[in-house]
C-alpha cells in the first residue's frame, strides 16, 4: 500500500501510510492503542476504503474493491473481535469457509488445520459460543486458512489471551511461516510480535514513524521508548 489516507466520516485516521510485505515474510505493524493499526488492515481489506492512495496486491490495484472481491484474490483477514459463528460447531465454522485458491489449490484442508491446531480436533462438535477465548482465536485463524489465502492479515491475535495460550499461538504462527504463509501482524504486544517477525512498521497518530528490520529495531532503544513504551 502506498500513501493511504483513510477516514471514518469526518475523523481522519490514516495520513499517507505506506508499507510493503514481501512473499513469505511476517511483518509487524506496531503502535499504541488508537494509532490506526486496525484501520490499516481494514483499508487493505476494503472494509474501510481509503479516500486516496494505492493498495496493490500481486501488481493489481485493489483499493476500491469490495471485501469479498479482495478475499477472492487471496487475502484472508482475522479480525480482532474474532466473529466466529457462535451457533455453529467448530467443524461447521470450518466447513462453511472452504474455498480453493487458484494459486495454492486446496492446500488447507480440515486435516491440515487440525494438524496446525490440534486442540480443535477433539472439540470439533462443540458450538463456537462455548469455546474459550484461546479456542475461539485458534478457530478464527483456522477458519480463515480454510479459504486458502496467500496473505494473512492478523489483527491483535494475542489480545485477552492467557500467557501460555499466547505462547502456543506464537508457535502456530511460526508453523504458518514454515508453510510459506505471508503475514501482516497488527499487535500491541510488541514482544510477541517481534519474536515472530522479519520487519516492523510503527504507527503514531496515523503515520508511519519507523520502519526497518526487527534486528535493527531491537538495537534502537530510543525508538522503542519513543513509540512503544508506556
C-alpha atoms as a PDB file:
ATOM      1  CA  UNK A   1       0.000   0.000   0.000  1.00  0.00           C
ATOM      2  CA  UNK A   2       1.240   3.478  -0.824  1.00  0.00           C
ATOM      3  CA  UNK A   3       0.289   6.883   0.601  1.00  0.00           C
ATOM      4  CA  UNK A   4      -3.036   5.723   2.038  1.00  0.00           C
ATOM      5  CA  UNK A   5      -5.437   8.212   3.616  1.00  0.00           C
ATOM      6  CA  UNK A   6      -8.461   6.745   5.387  1.00  0.00           C
ATOM      7  CA  UNK A   7     -11.174   8.371   7.446  1.00  0.00           C
ATOM      8  CA  UNK A   8     -14.360   7.447   9.278  1.00  0.00           C
ATOM      9  CA  UNK A   9     -16.780  10.227   8.463  1.00  0.00           C
ATOM     10  CA  UNK A  10     -15.100  13.495   9.452  1.00  0.00           C
ATOM     11  CA  UNK A  11     -12.400  11.722  11.514  1.00  0.00           C
ATOM     12  CA  UNK A  12      -9.170  11.289   9.567  1.00  0.00           C
ATOM     13  CA  UNK A  13      -7.360   8.159  10.818  1.00  0.00           C
ATOM     14  CA  UNK A  14      -4.536   7.415   8.369  1.00  0.00           C
ATOM     15  CA  UNK A  15      -2.255  10.076   6.924  1.00  0.00           C
ATOM     16  CA  UNK A  16      -0.205   8.807   3.995  1.00  0.00           C
ATOM     17  CA  UNK A  17       0.553   5.310   5.285  1.00  0.00           C
ATOM     18  CA  UNK A  18       2.861   3.236   3.078  1.00  0.00           C
ATOM     19  CA  UNK A  19       4.076  -0.298   3.710  1.00  0.00           C
ATOM     20  CA  UNK A  20       5.131  -3.420   1.857  1.00  0.00           C
ATOM     21  CA  UNK A  21       5.028  -7.109   2.674  1.00  0.00           C
ATOM     22  CA  UNK A  22       7.167  -9.471   0.609  1.00  0.00           C
ATOM     23  CA  UNK A  23       6.171 -13.043  -0.120  1.00  0.00           C
ATOM     24  CA  UNK A  24       6.977 -15.362   2.783  1.00  0.00           C
ATOM     25  CA  UNK A  25       7.566 -12.522   5.266  1.00  0.00           C
ATOM     26  CA  UNK A  26       5.978 -11.844   8.608  1.00  0.00           C
ATOM     27  CA  UNK A  27       5.752  -8.086   9.040  1.00  0.00           C
ATOM     28  CA  UNK A  28       4.641  -6.443  12.287  1.00  0.00           C
ATOM     29  CA  UNK A  29       2.540  -3.308  12.471  1.00  0.00           C
ATOM     30  CA  UNK A  30       3.015  -1.912  15.963  1.00  0.00           C
ATOM     31  CA  UNK A  31       1.892   1.097  17.942  1.00  0.00           C
ATOM     32  CA  UNK A  32      -0.141   2.167  20.918  1.00  0.00           C
ATOM     33  CA  UNK A  33      -3.934   1.959  21.034  1.00  0.00           C
ATOM     34  CA  UNK A  34      -5.760   4.235  18.612  1.00  0.00           C
ATOM     35  CA  UNK A  35      -2.875   4.962  16.224  1.00  0.00           C
ATOM     36  CA  UNK A  36      -4.511   3.370  13.162  1.00  0.00           C
ATOM     37  CA  UNK A  37      -3.273  -0.228  13.128  1.00  0.00           C
ATOM     38  CA  UNK A  38      -6.675  -1.844  12.697  1.00  0.00           C
ATOM     39  CA  UNK A  39      -7.723   0.825  10.191  1.00  0.00           C
ATOM     40  CA  UNK A  40      -4.656  -0.034   8.111  1.00  0.00           C
ATOM     41  CA  UNK A  41      -5.752  -3.677   7.873  1.00  0.00           C
ATOM     42  CA  UNK A  42      -9.338  -2.652   7.191  1.00  0.00           C
ATOM     43  CA  UNK A  43      -8.114  -0.342   4.415  1.00  0.00           C
ATOM     44  CA  UNK A  44      -6.273  -3.229   2.765  1.00  0.00           C
ATOM     45  CA  UNK A  45      -9.326  -5.469   3.096  1.00  0.00           C
ATOM     46  CA  UNK A  46     -11.752  -2.892   1.729  1.00  0.00           C
ATOM     47  CA  UNK A  47     -13.700  -2.649   4.982  1.00  0.00           C
ATOM     48  CA  UNK A  48     -12.575   0.963   5.403  1.00  0.00           C
ATOM     49  CA  UNK A  49     -11.986   2.111   1.811  1.00  0.00           C
ATOM     50  CA  UNK A  50      -9.153   4.661   1.520  1.00  0.00           C
ATOM     51  CA  UNK A  51     -10.088   8.125   0.357  1.00  0.00           C
ATOM     52  CA  UNK A  52      -6.818   8.277  -1.592  1.00  0.00           C
ATOM     53  CA  UNK A  53      -3.681   6.265  -2.216  1.00  0.00           C
ATOM     54  CA  UNK A  54      -2.955   2.872  -3.711  1.00  0.00           C
ATOM     55  CA  UNK A  55      -3.252  -0.700  -2.438  1.00  0.00           C
ATOM     56  CA  UNK A  56      -1.678  -3.207  -4.795  1.00  0.00           C
ATOM     57  CA  UNK A  57      -1.777  -6.977  -4.498  1.00  0.00           C
ATOM     58  CA  UNK A  58       0.327  -9.023  -6.919  1.00  0.00           C
ATOM     59  CA  UNK A  59       0.519  -5.994  -9.183  1.00  0.00           C
ATOM     60  CA  UNK A  60      -3.251  -5.410  -9.225  1.00  0.00           C
ATOM     61  CA  UNK A  61      -4.874  -2.316  -7.753  1.00  0.00           C
ATOM     62  CA  UNK A  62      -7.395  -3.437  -5.131  1.00  0.00           C
ATOM     63  CA  UNK A  63      -8.275  -0.101  -3.493  1.00  0.00           C
ATOM     64  CA  UNK A  64     -11.968   0.426  -4.189  1.00  0.00           C
ATOM     65  CA  UNK A  65     -12.801  -3.268  -4.491  1.00  0.00           C
ATOM     66  CA  UNK A  66     -15.339  -4.867  -2.174  1.00  0.00           C
ATOM     67  CA  UNK A  67     -14.110  -7.059   0.713  1.00  0.00           C
ATOM     68  CA  UNK A  68     -15.460 -10.241  -0.898  1.00  0.00           C
ATOM     69  CA  UNK A  69     -13.561  -9.442  -4.113  1.00  0.00           C
ATOM     70  CA  UNK A  70     -10.345  -8.890  -2.164  1.00  0.00           C
ATOM     71  CA  UNK A  71     -10.856 -12.141  -0.262  1.00  0.00           C
ATOM     72  CA  UNK A  72     -11.282 -13.997  -3.554  1.00  0.00           C
ATOM     73  CA  UNK A  73      -7.923 -12.624  -4.689  1.00  0.00           C
ATOM     74  CA  UNK A  74      -6.201 -14.474  -1.830  1.00  0.00           C
ATOM     75  CA  UNK A  75      -6.174 -12.147   1.191  1.00  0.00           C
ATOM     76  CA  UNK A  76      -7.533 -13.503   4.471  1.00  0.00           C
ATOM     77  CA  UNK A  77      -8.486 -11.266   7.395  1.00  0.00           C
ATOM     78  CA  UNK A  78      -8.580 -12.404  11.040  1.00  0.00           C
ATOM     79  CA  UNK A  79     -10.398  -9.594  12.897  1.00  0.00           C
ATOM     80  CA  UNK A  80      -9.687  -8.555  16.452  1.00  0.00           C
ATOM     81  CA  UNK A  81     -13.209  -9.467  17.599  1.00  0.00           C
ATOM     82  CA  UNK A  82     -12.938 -12.971  16.045  1.00  0.00           C
ATOM     83  CA  UNK A  83     -16.542 -13.120  14.783  1.00  0.00           C
ATOM     84  CA  UNK A  84     -16.976 -16.867  14.816  1.00  0.00           C
ATOM     85  CA  UNK A  85     -20.446 -18.309  14.288  1.00  0.00           C
ATOM     86  CA  UNK A  86     -21.409 -18.994  17.887  1.00  0.00           C
ATOM     87  CA  UNK A  87     -24.380 -21.229  16.991  1.00  0.00           C
ATOM     88  CA  UNK A  88     -22.293 -23.433  14.681  1.00  0.00           C
ATOM     89  CA  UNK A  89     -19.904 -26.136  15.788  1.00  0.00           C
ATOM     90  CA  UNK A  90     -16.161 -25.881  15.269  1.00  0.00           C
ATOM     91  CA  UNK A  91     -16.452 -28.252  12.323  1.00  0.00           C
ATOM     92  CA  UNK A  92     -19.309 -26.245  10.798  1.00  0.00           C
ATOM     93  CA  UNK A  93     -17.388 -22.969  11.214  1.00  0.00           C
ATOM     94  CA  UNK A  94     -14.543 -24.511   9.243  1.00  0.00           C
ATOM     95  CA  UNK A  95     -16.711 -26.237   6.664  1.00  0.00           C
ATOM     96  CA  UNK A  96     -18.548 -23.078   5.586  1.00  0.00           C
ATOM     97  CA  UNK A  97     -15.217 -21.340   4.901  1.00  0.00           C
ATOM     98  CA  UNK A  98     -13.758 -23.891   2.478  1.00  0.00           C
ATOM     99  CA  UNK A  99     -12.509 -22.267  -0.704  1.00  0.00           C
ATOM    100  CA  UNK A 100      -9.927 -23.438  -3.220  1.00  0.00           C
ATOM    101  CA  UNK A 101      -7.231 -20.928  -4.172  1.00  0.00           C
ATOM    102  CA  UNK A 102      -6.133 -20.571  -7.780  1.00  0.00           C
ATOM    103  CA  UNK A 103      -2.524 -20.238  -6.594  1.00  0.00           C
ATOM    104  CA  UNK A 104      -2.482 -22.729  -3.693  1.00  0.00           C
ATOM    105  CA  UNK A 105      -5.242 -25.147  -4.722  1.00  0.00           C
ATOM    106  CA  UNK A 106      -6.795 -26.932  -1.772  1.00  0.00           C
ATOM    107  CA  UNK A 107      -3.689 -26.530   0.400  1.00  0.00           C
ATOM    108  CA  UNK A 108      -5.577 -26.026   3.669  1.00  0.00           C
ATOM    109  CA  UNK A 109      -7.943 -28.880   4.414  1.00  0.00           C
ATOM    110  CA  UNK A 110      -9.675 -29.874   7.650  1.00  0.00           C
ATOM    111  CA  UNK A 111      -6.928 -32.410   8.262  1.00  0.00           C
ATOM    112  CA  UNK A 112      -4.143 -29.848   7.834  1.00  0.00           C
ATOM    113  CA  UNK A 113      -5.928 -27.296  10.004  1.00  0.00           C
ATOM    114  CA  UNK A 114      -6.335 -29.877  12.775  1.00  0.00           C
ATOM    115  CA  UNK A 115      -2.617 -30.665  12.485  1.00  0.00           C
ATOM    116  CA  UNK A 116      -1.814 -26.979  12.991  1.00  0.00           C
ATOM    117  CA  UNK A 117      -4.373 -26.540  15.784  1.00  0.00           C
ATOM    118  CA  UNK A 118      -4.646 -29.986  17.411  1.00  0.00           C
ATOM    119  CA  UNK A 119      -6.694 -28.563  20.296  1.00  0.00           C
ATOM    120  CA  UNK A 120      -9.598 -28.001  17.887  1.00  0.00           C
ATOM    121  CA  UNK A 121      -9.965 -31.612  16.746  1.00  0.00           C
ATOM    122  CA  UNK A 122     -11.400 -33.107  19.979  1.00  0.00           C
ATOM    123  CA  UNK A 123     -13.877 -30.203  20.286  1.00  0.00           C
ATOM    124  CA  UNK A 124     -14.950 -30.095  16.646  1.00  0.00           C
ATOM    125  CA  UNK A 125     -18.572 -30.833  17.613  1.00  0.00           C
ATOM    126  CA  UNK A 126     -18.690 -28.070  20.251  1.00  0.00           C
ATOM    127  CA  UNK A 127     -20.574 -24.894  19.389  1.00  0.00           C
ATOM    128  CA  UNK A 128     -18.494 -21.767  18.955  1.00  0.00           C
ATOM    129  CA  UNK A 129     -20.283 -19.938  21.747  1.00  0.00           C
ATOM    130  CA  UNK A 130     -18.977 -22.457  24.272  1.00  0.00           C
ATOM    131  CA  UNK A 131     -15.286 -22.074  23.376  1.00  0.00           C
ATOM    132  CA  UNK A 132     -12.672 -20.309  25.480  1.00  0.00           C
ATOM    133  CA  UNK A 133     -11.007 -17.150  24.193  1.00  0.00           C
ATOM    134  CA  UNK A 134      -7.941 -19.085  23.065  1.00  0.00           C
ATOM    135  CA  UNK A 135     -10.038 -21.725  21.310  1.00  0.00           C
ATOM    136  CA  UNK A 136     -12.040 -19.009  19.559  1.00  0.00           C
ATOM    137  CA  UNK A 137      -8.847 -17.344  18.365  1.00  0.00           C
ATOM    138  CA  UNK A 138      -7.492 -20.612  17.006  1.00  0.00           C
ATOM    139  CA  UNK A 139     -10.825 -21.277  15.292  1.00  0.00           C
ATOM    140  CA  UNK A 140     -10.868 -17.805  13.729  1.00  0.00           C
ATOM    141  CA  UNK A 141      -7.403 -18.288  12.226  1.00  0.00           C
ATOM    142  CA  UNK A 142      -8.224 -21.843  11.161  1.00  0.00           C
ATOM    143  CA  UNK A 143     -11.462 -20.706   9.509  1.00  0.00           C
ATOM    144  CA  UNK A 144      -9.582 -18.041   7.557  1.00  0.00           C
ATOM    145  CA  UNK A 145      -6.988 -20.605   6.440  1.00  0.00           C
ATOM    146  CA  UNK A 146      -9.790 -22.778   5.020  1.00  0.00           C
ATOM    147  CA  UNK A 147     -10.163 -20.072   2.380  1.00  0.00           C
ATOM    148  CA  UNK A 148      -6.580 -20.865   1.274  1.00  0.00           C
ATOM    149  CA  UNK A 149      -5.268 -17.273   1.368  1.00  0.00           C
ATOM    150  CA  UNK A 150      -1.823 -16.235   0.187  1.00  0.00           C
ATOM    151  CA  UNK A 151      -1.682 -13.290   2.606  1.00  0.00           C
ATOM    152  CA  UNK A 152      -2.975 -13.396   6.170  1.00  0.00           C
ATOM    153  CA  UNK A 153      -3.915 -10.189   7.994  1.00  0.00           C
ATOM    154  CA  UNK A 154      -3.903 -10.817  11.768  1.00  0.00           C
ATOM    155  CA  UNK A 155      -5.450  -8.125  13.962  1.00  0.00           C
ATOM    156  CA  UNK A 156      -4.363  -8.301  17.631  1.00  0.00           C
ATOM    157  CA  UNK A 157      -4.396 -12.128  17.820  1.00  0.00           C
ATOM    158  CA  UNK A 158      -2.902 -12.245  21.341  1.00  0.00           C
ATOM    159  CA  UNK A 159      -5.334  -9.791  22.935  1.00  0.00           C
ATOM    160  CA  UNK A 160      -7.105 -11.114  26.017  1.00  0.00           C
ATOM    161  CA  UNK A 161      -5.350 -14.484  25.997  1.00  0.00           C
ATOM    162  CA  UNK A 162      -3.506 -16.121  28.887  1.00  0.00           C
ATOM    163  CA  UNK A 163       0.323 -16.102  28.575  1.00  0.00           C
ATOM    164  CA  UNK A 164       0.518 -19.860  27.927  1.00  0.00           C
ATOM    165  CA  UNK A 165      -2.080 -19.545  25.146  1.00  0.00           C
ATOM    166  CA  UNK A 166      -0.174 -16.619  23.634  1.00  0.00           C
ATOM    167  CA  UNK A 167       2.959 -18.776  23.588  1.00  0.00           C
ATOM    168  CA  UNK A 168       1.097 -21.599  21.856  1.00  0.00           C
ATOM    169  CA  UNK A 169      -0.374 -19.161  19.342  1.00  0.00           C
ATOM    170  CA  UNK A 170       3.107 -17.851  18.550  1.00  0.00           C
ATOM    171  CA  UNK A 171       4.308 -21.385  17.864  1.00  0.00           C
ATOM    172  CA  UNK A 172       1.404 -21.937  15.491  1.00  0.00           C
ATOM    173  CA  UNK A 173       2.107 -18.689  13.634  1.00  0.00           C
ATOM    174  CA  UNK A 174       5.723 -19.804  13.212  1.00  0.00           C
ATOM    175  CA  UNK A 175       4.443 -23.053  11.694  1.00  0.00           C
ATOM    176  CA  UNK A 176       2.443 -20.971   9.235  1.00  0.00           C
ATOM    177  CA  UNK A 177       5.629 -19.178   8.287  1.00  0.00           C
ATOM    178  CA  UNK A 178       7.330 -22.517   7.682  1.00  0.00           C
ATOM    179  CA  UNK A 179       4.449 -23.372   5.343  1.00  0.00           C
ATOM    180  CA  UNK A 180       5.322 -20.257   3.329  1.00  0.00           C
ATOM    181  CA  UNK A 181       2.423 -18.086   4.526  1.00  0.00           C
ATOM    182  CA  UNK A 182       2.845 -14.319   4.173  1.00  0.00           C
ATOM    183  CA  UNK A 183       1.554 -12.458   7.241  1.00  0.00           C
ATOM    184  CA  UNK A 184       0.906  -8.856   8.230  1.00  0.00           C
ATOM    185  CA  UNK A 185       0.589  -8.910  12.012  1.00  0.00           C
ATOM    186  CA  UNK A 186      -1.080  -5.987  13.784  1.00  0.00           C
ATOM    187  CA  UNK A 187      -0.251  -6.130  17.501  1.00  0.00           C
ATOM    188  CA  UNK A 188       0.062  -4.142  20.675  1.00  0.00           C
ATOM    189  CA  UNK A 189       2.065  -6.924  22.315  1.00  0.00           C
ATOM    190  CA  UNK A 190       5.456  -5.908  20.937  1.00  0.00           C
ATOM    191  CA  UNK A 191       7.431  -8.786  22.450  1.00  0.00           C
ATOM    192  CA  UNK A 192       5.076 -11.389  20.990  1.00  0.00           C
ATOM    193  CA  UNK A 193       5.086  -9.728  17.589  1.00  0.00           C
ATOM    194  CA  UNK A 194       8.803  -9.021  17.277  1.00  0.00           C
ATOM    195  CA  UNK A 195       9.703 -12.607  18.161  1.00  0.00           C
ATOM    196  CA  UNK A 196       7.797 -13.729  15.065  1.00  0.00           C
ATOM    197  CA  UNK A 197       8.606 -11.036  12.523  1.00  0.00           C
ATOM    198  CA  UNK A 198      11.198 -10.130   9.913  1.00  0.00           C
ATOM    199  CA  UNK A 199      10.427  -6.426   9.667  1.00  0.00           C
ATOM    200  CA  UNK A 200       8.475  -3.850  11.615  1.00  0.00           C
ATOM    201  CA  UNK A 201       6.465  -0.696  10.953  1.00  0.00           C
ATOM    202  CA  UNK A 202       5.414   1.574  13.798  1.00  0.00           C
ATOM    203  CA  UNK A 203       2.423   3.871  13.580  1.00  0.00           C
ATOM    204  CA  UNK A 204       1.840   7.002  15.594  1.00  0.00           C
ATOM    205  CA  UNK A 205      -1.148   9.295  15.044  1.00  0.00           C
ATOM    206  CA  UNK A 206      -1.962   7.585  11.762  1.00  0.00           C
ATOM    207  CA  UNK A 207       1.517   7.931  10.249  1.00  0.00           C
ATOM    208  CA  UNK A 208       4.437   5.541   9.827  1.00  0.00           C
ATOM    209  CA  UNK A 209       7.143   6.858  12.135  1.00  0.00           C
ATOM    210  CA  UNK A 210       9.549   3.913  11.986  1.00  0.00           C
ATOM    211  CA  UNK A 211      10.299   1.057   9.610  1.00  0.00           C
ATOM    212  CA  UNK A 212      13.120  -1.425   9.480  1.00  0.00           C
ATOM    213  CA  UNK A 213      14.256  -4.923  10.298  1.00  0.00           C
ATOM    214  CA  UNK A 214      13.437  -6.418  13.669  1.00  0.00           C
ATOM    215  CA  UNK A 215      17.162  -6.812  14.307  1.00  0.00           C
ATOM    216  CA  UNK A 216      17.752  -3.083  13.822  1.00  0.00           C
ATOM    217  CA  UNK A 217      14.722  -2.138  15.878  1.00  0.00           C
ATOM    218  CA  UNK A 218      15.827  -4.256  18.829  1.00  0.00           C
ATOM    219  CA  UNK A 219      19.096  -2.300  18.838  1.00  0.00           C
ATOM    220  CA  UNK A 220      17.322   1.057  18.735  1.00  0.00           C
ATOM    221  CA  UNK A 221      16.355   1.635  22.368  1.00  0.00           C
ATOM    222  CA  UNK A 222      15.376   5.235  21.683  1.00  0.00           C
ATOM    223  CA  UNK A 223      12.827   4.222  19.039  1.00  0.00           C
ATOM    224  CA  UNK A 224      11.300   1.661  21.377  1.00  0.00           C
ATOM    225  CA  UNK A 225      10.978   4.182  24.221  1.00  0.00           C
ATOM    226  CA  UNK A 226       9.570   6.840  21.915  1.00  0.00           C
ATOM    227  CA  UNK A 227       6.897   4.801  20.151  1.00  0.00           C
ATOM    228  CA  UNK A 228       6.040   1.815  22.325  1.00  0.00           C
ATOM    229  CA  UNK A 229       6.933   2.411  25.968  1.00  0.00           C
ATOM    230  CA  UNK A 230       4.037   3.376  28.224  1.00  0.00           C
END
